[in-house]
């Protein structure tokens, strides 16, 4: 599964967003999107990397969730 979805600019400041990932003892491997200018971010998504048969698919799915969450915009009335 490949995700070529472009990240929209930050809804708060217009800055450029990046897909980020880190490993922490408290949360494990986490993927999220963050604005490089104002540091607004999505919630983190943690793939289940203990499943050897599908860990790459889990990582790709978490990347997809983070990108979809970042790109989602509330429609104004």
C-alpha atoms as a PDB file:
ATOM      1  CA  UNK A   1       0.000   0.000   0.000  1.00  0.00           C
ATOM      2  CA  UNK A   2       1.510   3.314  -1.048  1.00  0.00           C
ATOM      3  CA  UNK A   3       0.180   6.711  -0.011  1.00  0.00           C
ATOM      4  CA  UNK A   4       1.013   9.630  -2.294  1.00  0.00           C
ATOM      5  CA  UNK A   5      -1.523  12.023  -0.783  1.00  0.00           C
ATOM      6  CA  UNK A   6      -0.163  15.538  -0.490  1.00  0.00           C
ATOM      7  CA  UNK A   7      -0.555  17.281   2.857  1.00  0.00           C
ATOM      8  CA  UNK A   8      -2.607  20.463   2.790  1.00  0.00           C
ATOM      9  CA  UNK A   9      -1.181  23.641   4.286  1.00  0.00           C
ATOM     10  CA  UNK A  10      -1.799  24.264   7.977  1.00  0.00           C
ATOM     11  CA  UNK A  11      -5.383  25.405   8.653  1.00  0.00           C
ATOM     12  CA  UNK A  12      -4.128  27.732  11.405  1.00  0.00           C
ATOM     13  CA  UNK A  13      -1.077  29.494   9.972  1.00  0.00           C
ATOM     14  CA  UNK A  14      -0.724  28.267   6.366  1.00  0.00           C
ATOM     15  CA  UNK A  15       2.611  26.574   7.115  1.00  0.00           C
ATOM     16  CA  UNK A  16       3.888  23.387   5.499  1.00  0.00           C
ATOM     17  CA  UNK A  17       3.004  20.124   7.238  1.00  0.00           C
ATOM     18  CA  UNK A  18       5.171  17.026   7.475  1.00  0.00           C
ATOM     19  CA  UNK A  19       4.469  13.413   8.291  1.00  0.00           C
ATOM     20  CA  UNK A  20       6.464  12.548  11.403  1.00  0.00           C
ATOM     21  CA  UNK A  21       7.279   9.396  13.346  1.00  0.00           C
ATOM     22  CA  UNK A  22       9.049   8.559  16.579  1.00  0.00           C
ATOM     23  CA  UNK A  23       9.474   5.777  19.096  1.00  0.00           C
ATOM     24  CA  UNK A  24       8.931   6.483  22.786  1.00  0.00           C
ATOM     25  CA  UNK A  25       8.993   4.097  25.729  1.00  0.00           C
ATOM     26  CA  UNK A  26       5.551   5.254  26.891  1.00  0.00           C
ATOM     27  CA  UNK A  27       3.697   5.044  23.557  1.00  0.00           C
ATOM     28  CA  UNK A  28       5.846   2.954  21.219  1.00  0.00           C
ATOM     29  CA  UNK A  29       6.097   3.757  17.519  1.00  0.00           C
ATOM     30  CA  UNK A  30       3.836   6.718  16.667  1.00  0.00           C
ATOM     31  CA  UNK A  31       3.020   8.475  13.375  1.00  0.00           C
ATOM     32  CA  UNK A  32       1.403  11.941  13.079  1.00  0.00           C
ATOM     33  CA  UNK A  33       1.323  15.112  10.967  1.00  0.00           C
ATOM     34  CA  UNK A  34       2.735  18.397  12.241  1.00  0.00           C
ATOM     35  CA  UNK A  35       3.030  21.957  10.938  1.00  0.00           C
ATOM     36  CA  UNK A  36       6.651  23.072  10.669  1.00  0.00           C
ATOM     37  CA  UNK A  37       5.713  26.678  11.455  1.00  0.00           C
ATOM     38  CA  UNK A  38       3.196  26.716  14.349  1.00  0.00           C
ATOM     39  CA  UNK A  39       3.609  23.024  15.357  1.00  0.00           C
ATOM     40  CA  UNK A  40      -0.111  22.211  15.224  1.00  0.00           C
ATOM     41  CA  UNK A  41      -0.429  18.441  14.986  1.00  0.00           C
ATOM     42  CA  UNK A  42      -2.810  15.547  14.587  1.00  0.00           C
ATOM     43  CA  UNK A  43      -3.236  12.835  17.145  1.00  0.00           C
ATOM     44  CA  UNK A  44      -0.673  10.058  16.912  1.00  0.00           C
ATOM     45  CA  UNK A  45      -1.385   6.673  15.379  1.00  0.00           C
ATOM     46  CA  UNK A  46       0.452   3.615  16.695  1.00  0.00           C
ATOM     47  CA  UNK A  47       0.819   0.630  14.384  1.00  0.00           C
ATOM     48  CA  UNK A  48       0.900  -2.843  15.890  1.00  0.00           C
ATOM     49  CA  UNK A  49       4.469  -3.692  14.910  1.00  0.00           C
ATOM     50  CA  UNK A  50       4.343  -6.945  16.867  1.00  0.00           C
ATOM     51  CA  UNK A  51       2.398  -8.593  14.041  1.00  0.00           C
ATOM     52  CA  UNK A  52       5.272  -9.802  11.864  1.00  0.00           C
ATOM     53  CA  UNK A  53       3.035 -10.735   8.945  1.00  0.00           C
ATOM     54  CA  UNK A  54       1.486  -7.283   8.538  1.00  0.00           C
ATOM     55  CA  UNK A  55       3.674  -4.660  10.252  1.00  0.00           C
ATOM     56  CA  UNK A  56       4.373  -2.711   7.026  1.00  0.00           C
ATOM     57  CA  UNK A  57       0.645  -2.662   6.230  1.00  0.00           C
ATOM     58  CA  UNK A  58      -0.040  -1.399   9.763  1.00  0.00           C
ATOM     59  CA  UNK A  59       2.518   1.392   9.361  1.00  0.00           C
ATOM     60  CA  UNK A  60       1.072   2.398   5.987  1.00  0.00           C
ATOM     61  CA  UNK A  61      -2.453   2.396   7.443  1.00  0.00           C
ATOM     62  CA  UNK A  62      -1.346   4.683  10.291  1.00  0.00           C
ATOM     63  CA  UNK A  63       0.314   7.039   7.784  1.00  0.00           C
ATOM     64  CA  UNK A  64      -2.957   7.113   5.863  1.00  0.00           C
ATOM     65  CA  UNK A  65      -4.974   7.906   9.028  1.00  0.00           C
ATOM     66  CA  UNK A  66      -2.631  10.755  10.004  1.00  0.00           C
ATOM     67  CA  UNK A  67      -2.725  12.290   6.503  1.00  0.00           C
ATOM     68  CA  UNK A  68      -6.520  11.992   6.280  1.00  0.00           C
ATOM     69  CA  UNK A  69      -6.890  13.585   9.719  1.00  0.00           C
ATOM     70  CA  UNK A  70      -4.566  16.476   8.784  1.00  0.00           C
ATOM     71  CA  UNK A  71      -6.252  17.122   5.448  1.00  0.00           C
ATOM     72  CA  UNK A  72      -9.780  17.019   6.885  1.00  0.00           C
ATOM     73  CA  UNK A  73     -11.304  20.495   7.033  1.00  0.00           C
ATOM     74  CA  UNK A  74     -14.491  21.501   8.817  1.00  0.00           C
ATOM     75  CA  UNK A  75     -16.903  22.997   6.348  1.00  0.00           C
ATOM     76  CA  UNK A  76     -17.969  26.491   7.362  1.00  0.00           C
ATOM     77  CA  UNK A  77     -21.647  27.410   7.053  1.00  0.00           C
END
